[in-house]
């Protein structure tokens, strides 16, 4: 059960806190995002570099249109669908 200080993930509905989540730039709701690559964590969204503004952009999978492809690939292999 979540306490009042915890928020629910915009994608999966599980509890999130500021140490394992980010705010979506699309819907402005919190979602799971593993901010470290040396520990296991849950990702319910993505982060990338916005080349126009030279800043990080964050978005949940609900705003991005769904879960990434199986196997961790979020893009098709080069030459297929590009």
Protein backbone atom coordinates (compact mmCIF):
# COMPACT_ATOMS: atom_id res chain seq x y z
CA UNK A 1 0.00 0.00 0.00
CA UNK A 2 1.30 3.47 -0.91
CA UNK A 3 1.74 6.20 1.66
CA UNK A 4 0.70 9.77 0.95
CA UNK A 5 4.32 10.71 0.13
CA UNK A 6 4.54 8.09 -2.63
CA UNK A 7 3.18 8.52 -6.12
CA UNK A 8 1.94 5.91 -8.57
CA UNK A 9 3.78 5.26 -11.83
CA UNK A 10 1.88 6.66 -14.84
CA UNK A 11 2.53 3.42 -16.77
CA UNK A 12 2.41 0.44 -14.39
CA UNK A 13 0.68 1.95 -11.35
CA UNK A 14 3.32 0.71 -8.85
CA UNK A 15 4.69 3.08 -6.22
CA UNK A 16 7.59 5.32 -7.25
CA UNK A 17 9.78 7.77 -5.40
CA UNK A 18 12.14 10.48 -6.59
CA UNK A 19 15.21 8.23 -6.42
CA UNK A 20 13.89 5.75 -9.02
CA UNK A 21 11.71 7.87 -11.27
CA UNK A 22 11.38 10.91 -13.50
CA UNK A 23 8.64 13.32 -14.56
CA UNK A 24 7.25 12.85 -18.06
CA UNK A 25 7.61 15.85 -20.35
CA UNK A 26 4.34 14.92 -22.07
CA UNK A 27 1.84 14.24 -19.29
CA UNK A 28 3.83 15.66 -16.34
CA UNK A 29 3.31 12.45 -14.32
CA UNK A 30 5.98 10.40 -12.55
CA UNK A 31 7.20 7.07 -14.03
CA UNK A 32 9.86 4.46 -13.17
CA UNK A 33 13.24 5.25 -14.67
CA UNK A 34 16.45 3.53 -13.61
CA UNK A 35 18.89 6.42 -13.36
CA UNK A 36 21.95 4.17 -12.88
CA UNK A 37 23.36 1.52 -15.19
CA UNK A 38 25.26 -0.32 -12.44
CA UNK A 39 22.12 -1.50 -10.57
CA UNK A 40 18.98 -3.32 -11.64
CA UNK A 41 15.89 -1.18 -11.98
CA UNK A 42 12.54 -0.81 -13.68
CA UNK A 43 12.04 1.40 -16.74
CA UNK A 44 8.55 2.61 -17.66
CA UNK A 45 9.83 5.33 -19.96
CA UNK A 46 12.87 6.69 -21.71
CA UNK A 47 15.30 9.60 -21.64
CA UNK A 48 17.23 11.10 -24.55
CA UNK A 49 19.20 14.22 -25.51
CA UNK A 50 17.09 16.90 -27.19
CA UNK A 51 19.48 18.17 -29.86
CA UNK A 52 17.60 21.43 -30.39
CA UNK A 53 17.76 22.53 -26.74
CA UNK A 54 20.84 20.47 -25.70
CA UNK A 55 18.98 19.11 -22.70
CA UNK A 56 17.62 15.80 -21.46
CA UNK A 57 14.02 14.94 -22.38
CA UNK A 58 11.98 12.43 -20.38
CA UNK A 59 8.80 10.59 -21.46
CA UNK A 60 6.77 7.68 -20.13
CA UNK A 61 5.90 4.73 -22.37
CA UNK A 62 2.22 5.78 -22.25
CA UNK A 63 3.11 9.05 -24.02
CA UNK A 64 5.64 7.33 -26.29
CA UNK A 65 3.01 4.89 -27.52
CA UNK A 66 3.76 1.69 -25.62
CA UNK A 67 6.46 -0.59 -24.30
CA UNK A 68 9.81 -0.95 -26.09
CA UNK A 69 10.34 -3.97 -28.31
CA UNK A 70 11.23 -7.30 -26.70
CA UNK A 71 14.93 -7.78 -26.07
CA UNK A 72 15.47 -4.17 -25.05
CA UNK A 73 15.55 -2.78 -28.60
CA UNK A 74 13.54 0.43 -28.82
CA UNK A 75 14.37 0.90 -32.52
CA UNK A 76 14.34 -1.55 -35.39
CA UNK A 77 17.73 -2.75 -36.64
CA UNK A 78 19.42 -0.43 -39.15
CA UNK A 79 17.96 -0.94 -42.61
CA UNK A 80 14.61 -2.19 -41.31
CA UNK A 81 12.00 0.49 -40.86
CA UNK A 82 14.37 3.46 -40.97
